[in-house]
Amino acid sequence: MKIKILGPGCRKCEKLQNETADVLAELGVAADVEKITDMDKIMEHDVMMTPGLVINDKVKMFGRVPRKSEIKKWIEEEIN
């Protein structure tokens, strides 16, 4: 599983990265987590607001920090 955290390094981006790591640990799922801070690369995903979360090349959300339950649901969708 490939996960990308999109954002310049703001507090919300850090929170998203930490929440995602927590969910992965809770589920016992291994993932390649990449933090992308370059705005040109962020724009390649058609994300206009950060933070953004991309799982297996699918943009799951952007512009807010999702609840852990949402992150868990998205990760589980990509496992199954």
PDB file of N, CA and C in Angstrom:
ATOM      1  N   MET A   1       0.851  -1.177   0.000  1.00  0.00           N
ATOM      2  CA  MET A   1       0.000   0.000   0.000  1.00  0.00           C
ATOM      3  C   MET A   1       0.894   1.236   0.000  1.00  0.00           C
ATOM      4  N   LYS A   2       0.526   2.198  -0.827  1.00  0.00           N
ATOM      5  CA  LYS A   2       1.267   3.462  -0.893  1.00  0.00           C
ATOM      6  C   LYS A   2       0.362   4.584  -0.400  1.00  0.00           C
ATOM      7  N   ILE A   3       0.878   5.354   0.531  1.00  0.00           N
ATOM      8  CA  ILE A   3       0.134   6.478   1.078  1.00  0.00           C
ATOM      9  C   ILE A   3       0.977   7.731   0.924  1.00  0.00           C
ATOM     10  N   LYS A   4       0.337   8.796   0.447  1.00  0.00           N
ATOM     11  CA  LYS A   4       1.016  10.082   0.312  1.00  0.00           C
ATOM     12  C   LYS A   4       0.280  11.110   1.160  1.00  0.00           C
ATOM     13  N   ILE A   5       1.049  11.823   1.962  1.00  0.00           N
ATOM     14  CA  ILE A   5       0.538  12.949   2.734  1.00  0.00           C
ATOM     15  C   ILE A   5       0.973  14.197   1.982  1.00  0.00           C
ATOM     16  N   LEU A   6       0.023  14.977   1.518  1.00  0.00           N
ATOM     17  CA  LEU A   6       0.325  16.165   0.724  1.00  0.00           C
ATOM     18  C   LEU A   6       0.187  17.415   1.571  1.00  0.00           C
ATOM     19  N   GLY A   7       1.239  18.223   1.611  1.00  0.00           N
ATOM     20  CA  GLY A   7       1.171  19.479   2.342  1.00  0.00           C
ATOM     21  C   GLY A   7       2.539  20.064   2.582  1.00  0.00           C
ATOM     22  N   PRO A   8       2.583  21.366   2.830  1.00  0.00           N
ATOM     23  CA  PRO A   8       3.856  22.065   2.982  1.00  0.00           C
ATOM     24  C   PRO A   8       4.536  21.851   4.328  1.00  0.00           C
ATOM     25  N   GLY A   9       3.899  21.153   5.249  1.00  0.00           N
ATOM     26  CA  GLY A   9       4.503  20.927   6.557  1.00  0.00           C
ATOM     27  C   GLY A   9       3.812  21.705   7.657  1.00  0.00           C
ATOM     28  N   CYS A  10       2.604  22.145   7.398  1.00  0.00           N
ATOM     29  CA  CYS A  10       1.843  22.901   8.395  1.00  0.00           C
ATOM     30  C   CYS A  10       1.384  21.977   9.526  1.00  0.00           C
ATOM     31  N   ARG A  11       0.810  22.554  10.546  1.00  0.00           N
ATOM     32  CA  ARG A  11       0.348  21.803  11.710  1.00  0.00           C
ATOM     33  C   ARG A  11      -0.701  20.756  11.313  1.00  0.00           C
ATOM     34  N   LYS A  12      -1.616  21.114  10.414  1.00  0.00           N
ATOM     35  CA  LYS A  12      -2.645  20.168   9.966  1.00  0.00           C
ATOM     36  C   LYS A  12      -2.025  19.003   9.195  1.00  0.00           C
ATOM     37  N   CYS A  13      -1.009  19.293   8.410  1.00  0.00           N
ATOM     38  CA  CYS A  13      -0.326  18.245   7.643  1.00  0.00           C
ATOM     39  C   CYS A  13       0.368  17.266   8.592  1.00  0.00           C
ATOM     40  N   GLU A  14       0.991  17.802   9.610  1.00  0.00           N
ATOM     41  CA  GLU A  14       1.655  16.959  10.609  1.00  0.00           C
ATOM     42  C   GLU A  14       0.634  16.096  11.345  1.00  0.00           C
ATOM     43  N   LYS A  15      -0.511  16.696  11.676  1.00  0.00           N
ATOM     44  CA  LYS A  15      -1.554  15.947  12.367  1.00  0.00           C
ATOM     45  C   LYS A  15      -2.068  14.807  11.488  1.00  0.00           C
ATOM     46  N   LEU A  16      -2.277  15.079  10.203  1.00  0.00           N
ATOM     47  CA  LEU A  16      -2.730  14.042   9.281  1.00  0.00           C
ATOM     48  C   LEU A  16      -1.708  12.904   9.208  1.00  0.00           C
ATOM     49  N   GLN A  17      -0.444  13.251   9.145  1.00  0.00           N
ATOM     50  CA  GLN A  17       0.600  12.229   9.078  1.00  0.00           C
ATOM     51  C   GLN A  17       0.590  11.372  10.350  1.00  0.00           C
ATOM     52  N   ASN A  18       0.471  12.004  11.507  1.00  0.00           N
ATOM     53  CA  ASN A  18       0.456  11.274  12.769  1.00  0.00           C
ATOM     54  C   ASN A  18      -0.785  10.396  12.898  1.00  0.00           C
ATOM     55  N   GLU A  19      -1.949  10.935  12.517  1.00  0.00           N
ATOM     56  CA  GLU A  19      -3.198  10.165  12.601  1.00  0.00           C
ATOM     57  C   GLU A  19      -3.130   8.951  11.669  1.00  0.00           C
ATOM     58  N   THR A  20      -2.589   9.138  10.487  1.00  0.00           N
ATOM     59  CA  THR A  20      -2.468   8.035   9.528  1.00  0.00           C
ATOM     60  C   THR A  20      -1.537   6.961  10.075  1.00  0.00           C
ATOM     61  N   ALA A  21      -0.416   7.362  10.652  1.00  0.00           N
ATOM     62  CA  ALA A  21       0.513   6.399  11.252  1.00  0.00           C
ATOM     63  C   ALA A  21      -0.156   5.632  12.385  1.00  0.00           C
ATOM     64  N   ASP A  22      -0.948   6.322  13.204  1.00  0.00           N
ATOM     65  CA  ASP A  22      -1.666   5.665  14.301  1.00  0.00           C
ATOM     66  C   ASP A  22      -2.631   4.609  13.766  1.00  0.00           C
ATOM     67  N   VAL A  23      -3.387   4.954  12.732  1.00  0.00           N
ATOM     68  CA  VAL A  23      -4.358   4.020  12.156  1.00  0.00           C
ATOM     69  C   VAL A  23      -3.640   2.804  11.559  1.00  0.00           C
ATOM     70  N   LEU A  24      -2.551   3.038  10.851  1.00  0.00           N
ATOM     71  CA  LEU A  24      -1.794   1.924  10.279  1.00  0.00           C
ATOM     72  C   LEU A  24      -1.315   0.981  11.377  1.00  0.00           C
ATOM     73  N   ALA A  25      -0.833   1.545  12.478  1.00  0.00           N
ATOM     74  CA  ALA A  25      -0.363   0.727  13.602  1.00  0.00           C
ATOM     75  C   ALA A  25      -1.523  -0.051  14.227  1.00  0.00           C
ATOM     76  N   GLU A  26      -2.659   0.606  14.419  1.00  0.00           N
ATOM     77  CA  GLU A  26      -3.834  -0.060  14.995  1.00  0.00           C
ATOM     78  C   GLU A  26      -4.297  -1.228  14.133  1.00  0.00           C
ATOM     79  N   LEU A  27      -4.253  -1.044  12.820  1.00  0.00           N
ATOM     80  CA  LEU A  27      -4.702  -2.086  11.897  1.00  0.00           C
ATOM     81  C   LEU A  27      -3.627  -3.133  11.625  1.00  0.00           C
ATOM     82  N   GLY A  28      -2.384  -2.820  11.982  1.00  0.00           N
ATOM     83  CA  GLY A  28      -1.280  -3.727  11.688  1.00  0.00           C
ATOM     84  C   GLY A  28      -0.986  -3.821  10.201  1.00  0.00           C
ATOM     85  N   VAL A  29      -1.177  -2.712   9.504  1.00  0.00           N
ATOM     86  CA  VAL A  29      -0.986  -2.663   8.050  1.00  0.00           C
ATOM     87  C   VAL A  29       0.351  -1.996   7.735  1.00  0.00           C
ATOM     88  N   ALA A  30       1.116  -2.643   6.872  1.00  0.00           N
ATOM     89  CA  ALA A  30       2.374  -2.051   6.412  1.00  0.00           C
ATOM     90  C   ALA A  30       2.079  -1.174   5.202  1.00  0.00           C
ATOM     91  N   ALA A  31       2.686  -0.010   5.173  1.00  0.00           N
ATOM     92  CA  ALA A  31       2.473   0.906   4.053  1.00  0.00           C
ATOM     93  C   ALA A  31       3.726   1.734   3.827  1.00  0.00           C
ATOM     94  N   ASP A  32       3.915   2.107   2.584  1.00  0.00           N
ATOM     95  CA  ASP A  32       4.975   3.029   2.204  1.00  0.00           C
ATOM     96  C   ASP A  32       4.365   4.427   2.296  1.00  0.00           C
ATOM     97  N   VAL A  33       4.724   5.173   3.341  1.00  0.00           N
ATOM     98  CA  VAL A  33       4.157   6.506   3.564  1.00  0.00           C
ATOM     99  C   VAL A  33       5.167   7.551   3.107  1.00  0.00           C
ATOM    100  N   GLU A  34       4.723   8.397   2.198  1.00  0.00           N
ATOM    101  CA  GLU A  34       5.579   9.450   1.644  1.00  0.00           C
ATOM    102  C   GLU A  34       4.947  10.801   1.936  1.00  0.00           C
ATOM    103  N   LYS A  35       5.765  11.722   2.422  1.00  0.00           N
ATOM    104  CA  LYS A  35       5.288  13.076   2.664  1.00  0.00           C
ATOM    105  C   LYS A  35       5.752  13.945   1.504  1.00  0.00           C
ATOM    106  N   ILE A  36       4.794  14.573   0.827  1.00  0.00           N
ATOM    107  CA  ILE A  36       5.107  15.404  -0.334  1.00  0.00           C
ATOM    108  C   ILE A  36       4.854  16.863   0.025  1.00  0.00           C
ATOM    109  N   THR A  37       5.915  17.666  -0.037  1.00  0.00           N
ATOM    110  CA  THR A  37       5.811  19.075   0.314  1.00  0.00           C
ATOM    111  C   THR A  37       5.957  19.991  -0.898  1.00  0.00           C
ATOM    112  N   ASP A  38       6.435  19.457  -2.013  1.00  0.00           N
ATOM    113  CA  ASP A  38       6.636  20.247  -3.220  1.00  0.00           C
ATOM    114  C   ASP A  38       5.277  20.571  -3.847  1.00  0.00           C
ATOM    115  N   MET A  39       4.960  21.842  -3.981  1.00  0.00           N
ATOM    116  CA  MET A  39       3.650  22.262  -4.466  1.00  0.00           C
ATOM    117  C   MET A  39       3.366  21.777  -5.897  1.00  0.00           C
ATOM    118  N   ASP A  40       4.376  21.698  -6.739  1.00  0.00           N
ATOM    119  CA  ASP A  40       4.167  21.197  -8.098  1.00  0.00           C
ATOM    120  C   ASP A  40       3.712  19.736  -8.066  1.00  0.00           C
ATOM    121  N   LYS A  41       4.330  18.946  -7.185  1.00  0.00           N
ATOM    122  CA  LYS A  41       3.934  17.533  -7.068  1.00  0.00           C
ATOM    123  C   LYS A  41       2.559  17.398  -6.424  1.00  0.00           C
ATOM    124  N   ILE A  42       2.240  18.285  -5.500  1.00  0.00           N
ATOM    125  CA  ILE A  42       0.905  18.276  -4.879  1.00  0.00           C
ATOM    126  C   ILE A  42      -0.142  18.575  -5.944  1.00  0.00           C
ATOM    127  N   MET A  43       0.133  19.548  -6.796  1.00  0.00           N
ATOM    128  CA  MET A  43      -0.811  19.942  -7.853  1.00  0.00           C
ATOM    129  C   MET A  43      -1.021  18.824  -8.880  1.00  0.00           C
ATOM    130  N   GLU A  44      -0.043  17.937  -9.033  1.00  0.00           N
ATOM    131  CA  GLU A  44      -0.192  16.803  -9.950  1.00  0.00           C
ATOM    132  C   GLU A  44      -1.372  15.909  -9.547  1.00  0.00           C
ATOM    133  N   HIS A  45      -1.753  15.978  -8.282  1.00  0.00           N
ATOM    134  CA  HIS A  45      -2.873  15.182  -7.772  1.00  0.00           C
ATOM    135  C   HIS A  45      -4.193  15.966  -7.807  1.00  0.00           C
ATOM    136  N   ASP A  46      -4.181  17.151  -8.415  1.00  0.00           N
ATOM    137  CA  ASP A  46      -5.364  18.020  -8.480  1.00  0.00           C
ATOM    138  C   ASP A  46      -5.887  18.381  -7.099  1.00  0.00           C
ATOM    139  N   VAL A  47      -4.972  18.545  -6.155  1.00  0.00           N
ATOM    140  CA  VAL A  47      -5.326  18.952  -4.798  1.00  0.00           C
ATOM    141  C   VAL A  47      -5.107  20.454  -4.698  1.00  0.00           C
ATOM    142  N   MET A  48      -6.168  21.171  -4.402  1.00  0.00           N
ATOM    143  CA  MET A  48      -6.098  22.630  -4.355  1.00  0.00           C
ATOM    144  C   MET A  48      -5.879  23.172  -2.942  1.00  0.00           C
ATOM    145  N   MET A  49      -6.184  22.350  -1.941  1.00  0.00           N
ATOM    146  CA  MET A  49      -5.993  22.765  -0.548  1.00  0.00           C
ATOM    147  C   MET A  49      -5.312  21.624   0.199  1.00  0.00           C
ATOM    148  N   THR A  50      -4.439  21.983   1.099  1.00  0.00           N
ATOM    149  CA  THR A  50      -3.776  20.973   1.909  1.00  0.00           C
ATOM    150  C   THR A  50      -4.372  20.997   3.316  1.00  0.00           C
ATOM    151  N   PRO A  51      -4.219  19.925   4.056  1.00  0.00           N
ATOM    152  CA  PRO A  51      -3.508  18.702   3.700  1.00  0.00           C
ATOM    153  C   PRO A  51      -4.331  17.827   2.771  1.00  0.00           C
ATOM    154  N   GLY A  52      -3.642  16.890   2.150  1.00  0.00           N
ATOM    155  CA  GLY A  52      -4.304  15.932   1.287  1.00  0.00           C
ATOM    156  C   GLY A  52      -3.830  14.526   1.613  1.00  0.00           C
ATOM    157  N   LEU A  53      -4.697  13.558   1.367  1.00  0.00           N
ATOM    158  CA  LEU A  53      -4.367  12.161   1.625  1.00  0.00           C
ATOM    159  C   LEU A  53      -4.631  11.363   0.356  1.00  0.00           C
ATOM    160  N   VAL A  54      -3.579  10.676  -0.118  1.00  0.00           N
ATOM    161  CA  VAL A  54      -3.673   9.842  -1.312  1.00  0.00           C
ATOM    162  C   VAL A  54      -3.298   8.421  -0.912  1.00  0.00           C
ATOM    163  N   ILE A  55      -4.190   7.478  -1.215  1.00  0.00           N
ATOM    164  CA  ILE A  55      -3.923   6.077  -0.912  1.00  0.00           C
ATOM    165  C   ILE A  55      -3.991   5.297  -2.216  1.00  0.00           C
ATOM    166  N   ASN A  56      -2.888   4.602  -2.527  1.00  0.00           N
ATOM    167  CA  ASN A  56      -2.791   3.835  -3.775  1.00  0.00           C
ATOM    168  C   ASN A  56      -3.202   4.686  -4.987  1.00  0.00           C
ATOM    169  N   ASP A  57      -2.658   5.891  -5.029  1.00  0.00           N
ATOM    170  CA  ASP A  57      -2.869   6.839  -6.135  1.00  0.00           C
ATOM    171  C   ASP A  57      -4.305   7.334  -6.272  1.00  0.00           C
ATOM    172  N   LYS A  58      -5.107   7.201  -5.226  1.00  0.00           N
ATOM    173  CA  LYS A  58      -6.472   7.725  -5.217  1.00  0.00           C
ATOM    174  C   LYS A  58      -6.560   8.819  -4.165  1.00  0.00           C
ATOM    175  N   VAL A  59      -6.949  10.013  -4.587  1.00  0.00           N
ATOM    176  CA  VAL A  59      -7.121  11.111  -3.631  1.00  0.00           C
ATOM    177  C   VAL A  59      -8.352  10.796  -2.786  1.00  0.00           C
ATOM    178  N   LYS A  60      -8.146  10.659  -1.487  1.00  0.00           N
ATOM    179  CA  LYS A  60      -9.249  10.334  -0.577  1.00  0.00           C
ATOM    180  C   LYS A  60      -9.875  11.591   0.010  1.00  0.00           C
ATOM    181  N   MET A  61      -9.079  12.625   0.207  1.00  0.00           N
ATOM    182  CA  MET A  61      -9.608  13.884   0.723  1.00  0.00           C
ATOM    183  C   MET A  61      -8.524  14.941   0.682  1.00  0.00           C
ATOM    184  N   PHE A  62      -8.970  16.197   0.799  1.00  0.00           N
ATOM    185  CA  PHE A  62      -8.024  17.305   0.929  1.00  0.00           C
ATOM    186  C   PHE A  62      -8.735  18.477   1.577  1.00  0.00           C
ATOM    187  N   GLY A  63      -7.933  19.386   2.126  1.00  0.00           N
ATOM    188  CA  GLY A  63      -8.471  20.622   2.699  1.00  0.00           C
ATOM    189  C   GLY A  63      -8.861  20.559   4.163  1.00  0.00           C
ATOM    190  N   ARG A  64      -8.695  19.386   4.795  1.00  0.00           N
ATOM    191  CA  ARG A  64      -9.048  19.250   6.205  1.00  0.00           C
ATOM    192  C   ARG A  64      -8.332  18.033   6.782  1.00  0.00           C
ATOM    193  N   VAL A  65      -8.383  17.898   8.088  1.00  0.00           N
ATOM    194  CA  VAL A  65      -7.849  16.708   8.740  1.00  0.00           C
ATOM    195  C   VAL A  65      -9.037  15.789   9.032  1.00  0.00           C
ATOM    196  N   PRO A  66      -9.061  14.620   8.420  1.00  0.00           N
ATOM    197  CA  PRO A  66     -10.189  13.715   8.643  1.00  0.00           C
ATOM    198  C   PRO A  66     -10.111  13.059  10.023  1.00  0.00           C
ATOM    199  N   ARG A  67     -11.257  12.534  10.443  1.00  0.00           N
ATOM    200  CA  ARG A  67     -11.279  11.767  11.687  1.00  0.00           C
ATOM    201  C   ARG A  67     -10.548  10.449  11.459  1.00  0.00           C
ATOM    202  N   LYS A  68     -10.040   9.863  12.556  1.00  0.00           N
ATOM    203  CA  LYS A  68      -9.349   8.579  12.443  1.00  0.00           C
ATOM    204  C   LYS A  68     -10.258   7.516  11.837  1.00  0.00           C
ATOM    205  N   SER A  69     -11.534   7.568  12.156  1.00  0.00           N
ATOM    206  CA  SER A  69     -12.470   6.575  11.623  1.00  0.00           C
ATOM    207  C   SER A  69     -12.552   6.659  10.093  1.00  0.00           C
ATOM    208  N   GLU A  70     -12.431   7.864   9.558  1.00  0.00           N
ATOM    209  CA  GLU A  70     -12.444   8.030   8.103  1.00  0.00           C
ATOM    210  C   GLU A  70     -11.177   7.445   7.489  1.00  0.00           C
ATOM    211  N   ILE A  71     -10.047   7.758   8.090  1.00  0.00           N
ATOM    212  CA  ILE A  71      -8.771   7.236   7.589  1.00  0.00           C
ATOM    213  C   ILE A  71      -8.798   5.712   7.625  1.00  0.00           C
ATOM    214  N   LYS A  72      -9.303   5.157   8.722  1.00  0.00           N
ATOM    215  CA  LYS A  72      -9.386   3.703   8.860  1.00  0.00           C
ATOM    216  C   LYS A  72     -10.245   3.104   7.749  1.00  0.00           C
ATOM    217  N   LYS A  73     -11.390   3.714   7.481  1.00  0.00           N
ATOM    218  CA  LYS A  73     -12.297   3.231   6.432  1.00  0.00           C
ATOM    219  C   LYS A  73     -11.597   3.235   5.076  1.00  0.00           C
ATOM    220  N   TRP A  74     -10.899   4.323   4.742  1.00  0.00           N
ATOM    221  CA  TRP A  74     -10.219   4.426   3.452  1.00  0.00           C
ATOM    222  C   TRP A  74      -9.115   3.386   3.308  1.00  0.00           C
ATOM    223  N   ILE A  75      -8.373   3.164   4.380  1.00  0.00           N
ATOM    224  CA  ILE A  75      -7.297   2.161   4.332  1.00  0.00           C
ATOM    225  C   ILE A  75      -7.898   0.775   4.170  1.00  0.00           C
ATOM    226  N   GLU A  76      -8.949   0.490   4.918  1.00  0.00           N
ATOM    227  CA  GLU A  76      -9.601  -0.818   4.820  1.00  0.00           C
ATOM    228  C   GLU A  76     -10.180  -1.047   3.420  1.00  0.00           C
ATOM    229  N   GLU A  77     -10.707  -0.002   2.795  1.00  0.00           N
ATOM    230  CA  GLU A  77     -11.224  -0.115   1.432  1.00  0.00           C
ATOM    231  C   GLU A  77     -10.119  -0.539   0.455  1.00  0.00           C
ATOM    232  N   GLU A  78      -8.941  -0.030   0.678  1.00  0.00           N
ATOM    233  CA  GLU A  78      -7.825  -0.324  -0.224  1.00  0.00           C
ATOM    234  C   GLU A  78      -7.217  -1.696   0.048  1.00  0.00           C
ATOM    235  N   ILE A  79      -7.429  -2.238   1.241  1.00  0.00           N
ATOM    236  CA  ILE A  79      -6.929  -3.584   1.563  1.00  0.00           C
ATOM    237  C   ILE A  79      -7.810  -4.622   0.879  1.00  0.00           C
ATOM    238  N   ASN A  80      -9.116  -4.376   0.893  1.00  0.00           N
ATOM    239  CA  ASN A  80     -10.081  -5.367   0.391  1.00  0.00           C
ATOM    240  C   ASN A  80     -10.305  -5.261  -1.073  1.00  0.00           C
TER     241      ASN A  80
END
